[in-house]
Amino acid sequence: MAVRVPATSGFVARPTGVSSDPLPSRAGSFAVIILTEVWKTTPFMALLLLAGLALVPDELLEAAKAGRASPAAGSGASRSL
């Protein structure tokens, strides 16, 4: 006979205050995996974005200023055909 442990004794349930441990269920496991992957990957993506912005040549920035480019001009939001 298996001993049943109360759900509030889990390492996830107790600190978060949820009534049940999310890890035994399939949907809860997927949610925890997605959350940890996002938590792990977001800082790396931010660094890649910052590195890409740092590599923009000064000539390109000066040309954009001379052409009176607004910050939204590069996104295609204000382009006219």
PDB file of N, CA and C in Angstrom:
ATOM      1  N   MET A   1       0.849  -1.179   0.000  1.00  0.00           N
ATOM      2  CA  MET A   1       0.000   0.000   0.000  1.00  0.00           C
ATOM      3  C   MET A   1       0.893   1.241   0.000  1.00  0.00           C
ATOM      4  N   ALA A   2       0.626   2.144  -0.916  1.00  0.00           N
ATOM      5  CA  ALA A   2       1.427   3.359  -1.047  1.00  0.00           C
ATOM      6  C   ALA A   2       0.985   4.396  -0.026  1.00  0.00           C
ATOM      7  N   VAL A   3       1.957   5.116   0.485  1.00  0.00           N
ATOM      8  CA  VAL A   3       1.679   6.189   1.434  1.00  0.00           C
ATOM      9  C   VAL A   3       1.401   7.455   0.648  1.00  0.00           C
ATOM     10  N   ARG A   4       0.285   8.089   0.894  1.00  0.00           N
ATOM     11  CA  ARG A   4      -0.089   9.310   0.187  1.00  0.00           C
ATOM     12  C   ARG A   4       0.400  10.519   0.974  1.00  0.00           C
ATOM     13  N   VAL A   5       1.152  11.379   0.309  1.00  0.00           N
ATOM     14  CA  VAL A   5       1.700  12.582   0.930  1.00  0.00           C
ATOM     15  C   VAL A   5       0.782  13.742   0.606  1.00  0.00           C
ATOM     16  N   PRO A   6       0.462  14.600   1.588  1.00  0.00           N
ATOM     17  CA  PRO A   6      -0.404  15.745   1.302  1.00  0.00           C
ATOM     18  C   PRO A   6       0.220  16.681   0.268  1.00  0.00           C
ATOM     19  N   ALA A   7      -0.625  17.303  -0.540  1.00  0.00           N
ATOM     20  CA  ALA A   7      -0.138  18.164  -1.621  1.00  0.00           C
ATOM     21  C   ALA A   7       0.592  19.393  -1.101  1.00  0.00           C
ATOM     22  N   THR A   8       0.307  19.822   0.109  1.00  0.00           N
ATOM     23  CA  THR A   8       0.951  21.030   0.625  1.00  0.00           C
ATOM     24  C   THR A   8       2.364  20.771   1.119  1.00  0.00           C
ATOM     25  N   SER A   9       2.840  19.526   1.010  1.00  0.00           N
ATOM     26  CA  SER A   9       4.189  19.239   1.469  1.00  0.00           C
ATOM     27  C   SER A   9       5.218  19.339   0.344  1.00  0.00           C
ATOM     28  N   GLY A  10       4.801  19.647  -0.872  1.00  0.00           N
ATOM     29  CA  GLY A  10       5.723  19.720  -2.001  1.00  0.00           C
ATOM     30  C   GLY A  10       6.589  20.969  -1.960  1.00  0.00           C
ATOM     31  N   PHE A  11       7.732  20.887  -2.621  1.00  0.00           N
ATOM     32  CA  PHE A  11       8.639  22.031  -2.635  1.00  0.00           C
ATOM     33  C   PHE A  11       8.130  23.157  -3.517  1.00  0.00           C
ATOM     34  N   VAL A  12       7.178  22.875  -4.398  1.00  0.00           N
ATOM     35  CA  VAL A  12       6.578  23.922  -5.227  1.00  0.00           C
ATOM     36  C   VAL A  12       5.324  24.464  -4.554  1.00  0.00           C
ATOM     37  N   ALA A  13       4.520  23.596  -3.976  1.00  0.00           N
ATOM     38  CA  ALA A  13       3.233  24.011  -3.423  1.00  0.00           C
ATOM     39  C   ALA A  13       3.384  24.860  -2.170  1.00  0.00           C
ATOM     40  N   ARG A  14       4.302  24.510  -1.309  1.00  0.00           N
ATOM     41  CA  ARG A  14       4.425  25.233  -0.037  1.00  0.00           C
ATOM     42  C   ARG A  14       4.868  26.692  -0.233  1.00  0.00           C
ATOM     43  N   PRO A  15       5.947  26.994  -0.961  1.00  0.00           N
ATOM     44  CA  PRO A  15       6.354  28.406  -1.085  1.00  0.00           C
ATOM     45  C   PRO A  15       5.406  29.258  -1.922  1.00  0.00           C
ATOM     46  N   THR A  16       4.739  28.646  -2.899  1.00  0.00           N
ATOM     47  CA  THR A  16       3.875  29.431  -3.770  1.00  0.00           C
ATOM     48  C   THR A  16       2.469  29.579  -3.232  1.00  0.00           C
ATOM     49  N   GLY A  17       2.075  28.738  -2.305  1.00  0.00           N
ATOM     50  CA  GLY A  17       0.750  28.837  -1.718  1.00  0.00           C
ATOM     51  C   GLY A  17      -0.350  28.197  -2.533  1.00  0.00           C
ATOM     52  N   VAL A  18       0.000  27.433  -3.572  1.00  0.00           N
ATOM     53  CA  VAL A  18      -1.038  26.754  -4.345  1.00  0.00           C
ATOM     54  C   VAL A  18      -1.520  25.535  -3.577  1.00  0.00           C
ATOM     55  N   SER A  19      -2.740  25.105  -3.857  1.00  0.00           N
ATOM     56  CA  SER A  19      -3.316  24.008  -3.091  1.00  0.00           C
ATOM     57  C   SER A  19      -2.824  22.645  -3.549  1.00  0.00           C
ATOM     58  N   SER A  20      -2.284  22.557  -4.769  1.00  0.00           N
ATOM     59  CA  SER A  20      -1.780  21.266  -5.245  1.00  0.00           C
ATOM     60  C   SER A  20      -0.455  21.473  -5.974  1.00  0.00           C
ATOM     61  N   ASP A  21       0.340  20.441  -6.010  1.00  0.00           N
ATOM     62  CA  ASP A  21       1.629  20.483  -6.682  1.00  0.00           C
ATOM     63  C   ASP A  21       1.406  20.387  -8.190  1.00  0.00           C
ATOM     64  N   PRO A  22       1.945  21.299  -9.001  1.00  0.00           N
ATOM     65  CA  PRO A  22       1.668  21.271 -10.433  1.00  0.00           C
ATOM     66  C   PRO A  22       2.471  20.214 -11.196  1.00  0.00           C
ATOM     67  N   LEU A  23       3.486  19.641 -10.592  1.00  0.00           N
ATOM     68  CA  LEU A  23       4.350  18.739 -11.332  1.00  0.00           C
ATOM     69  C   LEU A  23       3.746  17.379 -11.676  1.00  0.00           C
ATOM     70  N   PRO A  24       2.883  16.764 -10.872  1.00  0.00           N
ATOM     71  CA  PRO A  24       2.352  15.453 -11.249  1.00  0.00           C
ATOM     72  C   PRO A  24       1.429  15.466 -12.463  1.00  0.00           C
ATOM     73  N   SER A  25       0.773  16.573 -12.747  1.00  0.00           N
ATOM     74  CA  SER A  25      -0.132  16.596 -13.903  1.00  0.00           C
ATOM     75  C   SER A  25       0.643  16.976 -15.162  1.00  0.00           C
ATOM     76  N   ARG A  26       0.132  16.527 -16.297  1.00  0.00           N
ATOM     77  CA  ARG A  26       0.800  16.784 -17.571  1.00  0.00           C
ATOM     78  C   ARG A  26       0.799  18.283 -17.912  1.00  0.00           C
ATOM     79  N   ALA A  27      -0.347  18.931 -17.764  1.00  0.00           N
ATOM     80  CA  ALA A  27      -0.448  20.355 -18.091  1.00  0.00           C
ATOM     81  C   ALA A  27       0.414  21.189 -17.150  1.00  0.00           C
ATOM     82  N   GLY A  28       0.412  20.835 -15.877  1.00  0.00           N
ATOM     83  CA  GLY A  28       1.245  21.561 -14.921  1.00  0.00           C
ATOM     84  C   GLY A  28       2.726  21.402 -15.213  1.00  0.00           C
ATOM     85  N   SER A  29       3.127  20.193 -15.627  1.00  0.00           N
ATOM     86  CA  SER A  29       4.535  19.954 -15.973  1.00  0.00           C
ATOM     87  C   SER A  29       4.943  20.785 -17.177  1.00  0.00           C
ATOM     88  N   PHE A  30       4.079  20.834 -18.198  1.00  0.00           N
ATOM     89  CA  PHE A  30       4.385  21.650 -19.370  1.00  0.00           C
ATOM     90  C   PHE A  30       4.487  23.125 -19.010  1.00  0.00           C
ATOM     91  N   ALA A  31       3.609  23.597 -18.145  1.00  0.00           N
ATOM     92  CA  ALA A  31       3.644  25.000 -17.739  1.00  0.00           C
ATOM     93  C   ALA A  31       4.944  25.319 -17.007  1.00  0.00           C
ATOM     94  N   VAL A  32       5.375  24.429 -16.139  1.00  0.00           N
ATOM     95  CA  VAL A  32       6.624  24.651 -15.406  1.00  0.00           C
ATOM     96  C   VAL A  32       7.810  24.616 -16.355  1.00  0.00           C
ATOM     97  N   ILE A  33       7.826  23.702 -17.308  1.00  0.00           N
ATOM     98  CA  ILE A  33       8.926  23.616 -18.279  1.00  0.00           C
ATOM     99  C   ILE A  33       8.981  24.868 -19.136  1.00  0.00           C
ATOM    100  N   ILE A  34       7.841  25.339 -19.621  1.00  0.00           N
ATOM    101  CA  ILE A  34       7.817  26.550 -20.448  1.00  0.00           C
ATOM    102  C   ILE A  34       8.276  27.753 -19.640  1.00  0.00           C
ATOM    103  N   LEU A  35       7.823  27.865 -18.410  1.00  0.00           N
ATOM    104  CA  LEU A  35       8.231  28.985 -17.558  1.00  0.00           C
ATOM    105  C   LEU A  35       9.742  28.992 -17.326  1.00  0.00           C
ATOM    106  N   THR A  36      10.325  27.829 -17.060  1.00  0.00           N
ATOM    107  CA  THR A  36      11.774  27.792 -16.821  1.00  0.00           C
ATOM    108  C   THR A  36      12.562  28.064 -18.095  1.00  0.00           C
ATOM    109  N   GLU A  37      12.075  27.604 -19.241  1.00  0.00           N
ATOM    110  CA  GLU A  37      12.768  27.890 -20.498  1.00  0.00           C
ATOM    111  C   GLU A  37      12.737  29.385 -20.823  1.00  0.00           C
ATOM    112  N   VAL A  38      11.605  30.022 -20.593  1.00  0.00           N
ATOM    113  CA  VAL A  38      11.512  31.469 -20.822  1.00  0.00           C
ATOM    114  C   VAL A  38      12.426  32.206 -19.863  1.00  0.00           C
ATOM    115  N   TRP A  39      12.444  31.774 -18.598  1.00  0.00           N
ATOM    116  CA  TRP A  39      13.299  32.400 -17.584  1.00  0.00           C
ATOM    117  C   TRP A  39      14.776  32.259 -17.964  1.00  0.00           C
ATOM    118  N   LYS A  40      15.144  31.127 -18.534  1.00  0.00           N
ATOM    119  CA  LYS A  40      16.531  30.859 -18.894  1.00  0.00           C
ATOM    120  C   LYS A  40      16.939  31.610 -20.159  1.00  0.00           C
ATOM    121  N   THR A  41      16.050  31.724 -21.127  1.00  0.00           N
ATOM    122  CA  THR A  41      16.403  32.221 -22.451  1.00  0.00           C
ATOM    123  C   THR A  41      16.281  33.737 -22.597  1.00  0.00           C
ATOM    124  N   THR A  42      15.405  34.373 -21.845  1.00  0.00           N
ATOM    125  CA  THR A  42      15.151  35.805 -22.011  1.00  0.00           C
ATOM    126  C   THR A  42      16.405  36.671 -21.836  1.00  0.00           C
ATOM    127  N   PRO A  43      17.237  36.484 -20.813  1.00  0.00           N
ATOM    128  CA  PRO A  43      18.432  37.330 -20.703  1.00  0.00           C
ATOM    129  C   PRO A  43      19.396  37.159 -21.877  1.00  0.00           C
ATOM    130  N   PHE A  44      19.525  35.945 -22.390  1.00  0.00           N
ATOM    131  CA  PHE A  44      20.399  35.713 -23.535  1.00  0.00           C
ATOM    132  C   PHE A  44      19.891  36.443 -24.768  1.00  0.00           C
ATOM    133  N   MET A  45      18.591  36.401 -24.996  1.00  0.00           N
ATOM    134  CA  MET A  45      18.019  37.108 -26.141  1.00  0.00           C
ATOM    135  C   MET A  45      18.182  38.624 -25.998  1.00  0.00           C
ATOM    136  N   ALA A  46      18.063  39.120 -24.779  1.00  0.00           N
ATOM    137  CA  ALA A  46      18.263  40.555 -24.546  1.00  0.00           C
ATOM    138  C   ALA A  46      19.701  40.950 -24.856  1.00  0.00           C
ATOM    139  N   LEU A  47      20.655  40.112 -24.478  1.00  0.00           N
ATOM    140  CA  LEU A  47      22.062  40.398 -24.791  1.00  0.00           C
ATOM    141  C   LEU A  47      22.319  40.364 -26.290  1.00  0.00           C
ATOM    142  N   LEU A  48      21.707  39.420 -26.999  1.00  0.00           N
ATOM    143  CA  LEU A  48      21.862  39.378 -28.450  1.00  0.00           C
ATOM    144  C   LEU A  48      21.284  40.628 -29.105  1.00  0.00           C
ATOM    145  N   LEU A  49      20.139  41.083 -28.624  1.00  0.00           N
ATOM    146  CA  LEU A  49      19.528  42.291 -29.156  1.00  0.00           C
ATOM    147  C   LEU A  49      20.409  43.507 -28.895  1.00  0.00           C
ATOM    148  N   LEU A  50      20.946  43.606 -27.694  1.00  0.00           N
ATOM    149  CA  LEU A  50      21.826  44.714 -27.360  1.00  0.00           C
ATOM    150  C   LEU A  50      23.093  44.690 -28.197  1.00  0.00           C
ATOM    151  N   ALA A  51      23.657  43.515 -28.409  1.00  0.00           N
ATOM    152  CA  ALA A  51      24.862  43.403 -29.239  1.00  0.00           C
ATOM    153  C   ALA A  51      24.560  43.796 -30.680  1.00  0.00           C
ATOM    154  N   GLY A  52      23.400  43.404 -31.180  1.00  0.00           N
ATOM    155  CA  GLY A  52      23.030  43.790 -32.539  1.00  0.00           C
ATOM    156  C   GLY A  52      22.829  45.288 -32.683  1.00  0.00           C
ATOM    157  N   LEU A  53      22.241  45.914 -31.679  1.00  0.00           N
ATOM    158  CA  LEU A  53      22.067  47.367 -31.730  1.00  0.00           C
ATOM    159  C   LEU A  53      23.381  48.102 -31.604  1.00  0.00           C
ATOM    160  N   ALA A  54      24.329  47.529 -30.874  1.00  0.00           N
ATOM    161  CA  ALA A  54      25.640  48.167 -30.719  1.00  0.00           C
ATOM    162  C   ALA A  54      26.443  48.118 -32.018  1.00  0.00           C
ATOM    163  N   LEU A  55      26.114  47.203 -32.932  1.00  0.00           N
ATOM    164  CA  LEU A  55      26.850  47.059 -34.184  1.00  0.00           C
ATOM    165  C   LEU A  55      26.313  47.941 -35.309  1.00  0.00           C
ATOM    166  N   VAL A  56      25.303  48.735 -35.039  1.00  0.00           N
ATOM    167  CA  VAL A  56      24.779  49.642 -36.066  1.00  0.00           C
ATOM    168  C   VAL A  56      25.839  50.704 -36.339  1.00  0.00           C
ATOM    169  N   PRO A  57      26.276  50.840 -37.600  1.00  0.00           N
ATOM    170  CA  PRO A  57      27.330  51.822 -37.912  1.00  0.00           C
ATOM    171  C   PRO A  57      26.876  53.262 -37.652  1.00  0.00           C
ATOM    172  N   ASP A  58      27.838  54.099 -37.269  1.00  0.00           N
ATOM    173  CA  ASP A  58      27.532  55.507 -37.014  1.00  0.00           C
ATOM    174  C   ASP A  58      27.049  56.213 -38.275  1.00  0.00           C
ATOM    175  N   GLU A  59      27.570  55.798 -39.431  1.00  0.00           N
ATOM    176  CA  GLU A  59      27.146  56.426 -40.692  1.00  0.00           C
ATOM    177  C   GLU A  59      25.650  56.203 -40.935  1.00  0.00           C
ATOM    178  N   LEU A  60      25.167  55.043 -40.573  1.00  0.00           N
ATOM    179  CA  LEU A  60      23.748  54.748 -40.754  1.00  0.00           C
ATOM    180  C   LEU A  60      22.897  55.616 -39.828  1.00  0.00           C
ATOM    181  N   LEU A  61      23.350  55.814 -38.609  1.00  0.00           N
ATOM    182  CA  LEU A  61      22.616  56.675 -37.677  1.00  0.00           C
ATOM    183  C   LEU A  61      22.624  58.126 -38.152  1.00  0.00           C
ATOM    184  N   GLU A  62      23.767  58.586 -38.661  1.00  0.00           N
ATOM    185  CA  GLU A  62      23.843  59.955 -39.177  1.00  0.00           C
ATOM    186  C   GLU A  62      22.956  60.130 -40.403  1.00  0.00           C
ATOM    187  N   ALA A  63      22.917  59.134 -41.271  1.00  0.00           N
ATOM    188  CA  ALA A  63      22.059  59.209 -42.451  1.00  0.00           C
ATOM    189  C   ALA A  63      20.585  59.235 -42.049  1.00  0.00           C
ATOM    190  N   ALA A  64      20.246  58.503 -41.034  1.00  0.00           N
ATOM    191  CA  ALA A  64      18.860  58.513 -40.573  1.00  0.00           C
ATOM    192  C   ALA A  64      18.489  59.867 -39.994  1.00  0.00           C
ATOM    193  N   LYS A  65      19.425  60.482 -39.256  1.00  0.00           N
ATOM    194  CA  LYS A  65      19.164  61.821 -38.714  1.00  0.00           C
ATOM    195  C   LYS A  65      19.051  62.839 -39.835  1.00  0.00           C
ATOM    196  N   ALA A  66      19.891  62.728 -40.856  1.00  0.00           N
ATOM    197  CA  ALA A  66      19.856  63.671 -41.980  1.00  0.00           C
ATOM    198  C   ALA A  66      18.568  63.511 -42.777  1.00  0.00           C
ATOM    199  N   GLY A  67      18.067  62.294 -42.847  1.00  0.00           N
ATOM    200  CA  GLY A  67      16.832  62.038 -43.583  1.00  0.00           C
ATOM    201  C   GLY A  67      15.594  62.255 -42.740  1.00  0.00           C
ATOM    202  N   ARG A  68      15.764  62.792 -41.540  1.00  0.00           N
ATOM    203  CA  ARG A  68      14.672  63.072 -40.599  1.00  0.00           C
ATOM    204  C   ARG A  68      13.849  61.822 -40.289  1.00  0.00           C
ATOM    205  N   ALA A  69      14.521  60.718 -40.081  1.00  0.00           N
ATOM    206  CA  ALA A  69      13.826  59.476 -39.762  1.00  0.00           C
ATOM    207  C   ALA A  69      13.338  59.516 -38.324  1.00  0.00           C
ATOM    208  N   SER A  70      12.102  59.114 -38.137  1.00  0.00           N
ATOM    209  CA  SER A  70      11.568  59.022 -36.787  1.00  0.00           C
ATOM    210  C   SER A  70      11.864  57.619 -36.248  1.00  0.00           C
ATOM    211  N   PRO A  71      11.747  57.401 -34.945  1.00  0.00           N
ATOM    212  CA  PRO A  71      11.990  56.058 -34.407  1.00  0.00           C
ATOM    213  C   PRO A  71      11.056  55.005 -34.987  1.00  0.00           C
ATOM    214  N   ALA A  72       9.850  55.376 -35.399  1.00  0.00           N
ATOM    215  CA  ALA A  72       8.907  54.414 -35.947  1.00  0.00           C
ATOM    216  C   ALA A  72       9.123  54.172 -37.449  1.00  0.00           C
ATOM    217  N   ALA A  73       9.992  54.933 -38.083  1.00  0.00           N
ATOM    218  CA  ALA A  73      10.179  54.803 -39.520  1.00  0.00           C
ATOM    219  C   ALA A  73      10.777  53.457 -39.902  1.00  0.00           C
ATOM    220  N   GLY A  74      11.630  52.915 -39.082  1.00  0.00           N
ATOM    221  CA  GLY A  74      12.258  51.642 -39.395  1.00  0.00           C
ATOM    222  C   GLY A  74      11.332  50.460 -39.244  1.00  0.00           C
ATOM    223  N   SER A  75      10.237  50.618 -38.520  1.00  0.00           N
ATOM    224  CA  SER A  75       9.334  49.492 -38.292  1.00  0.00           C
ATOM    225  C   SER A  75       8.359  49.276 -39.431  1.00  0.00           C
ATOM    226  N   GLY A  76       8.310  50.181 -40.383  1.00  0.00           N
ATOM    227  CA  GLY A  76       7.364  50.049 -41.476  1.00  0.00           C
ATOM    228  C   GLY A  76       6.012  50.629 -41.170  1.00  0.00           C
ATOM    229  N   ALA A  77       5.838  51.175 -39.981  1.00  0.00           N
ATOM    230  CA  ALA A  77       4.532  51.692 -39.584  1.00  0.00           C
ATOM    231  C   ALA A  77       4.152  52.965 -40.339  1.00  0.00           C
ATOM    232  N   SER A  78       5.144  53.753 -40.753  1.00  0.00           N
ATOM    233  CA  SER A  78       4.819  55.015 -41.405  1.00  0.00           C
ATOM    234  C   SER A  78       5.272  55.055 -42.859  1.00  0.00           C
ATOM    235  N   ARG A  79       5.564  53.903 -43.455  1.00  0.00           N
ATOM    236  CA  ARG A  79       5.991  53.877 -44.862  1.00  0.00           C
ATOM    237  C   ARG A  79       4.812  54.093 -45.790  1.00  0.00           C
ATOM    238  N   SER A  80       5.055  54.815 -46.847  1.00  0.00           N
ATOM    239  CA  SER A  80       4.014  55.006 -47.855  1.00  0.00           C
ATOM    240  C   SER A  80       4.508  54.402 -49.158  1.00  0.00           C
ATOM    241  N   LEU A  81       3.588  53.851 -49.922  1.00  0.00           N
ATOM    242  CA  LEU A  81       3.952  53.189 -51.181  1.00  0.00           C
ATOM    243  C   LEU A  81       3.965  54.161 -52.268  1.00  0.00           C
TER     244      LEU A  81
END
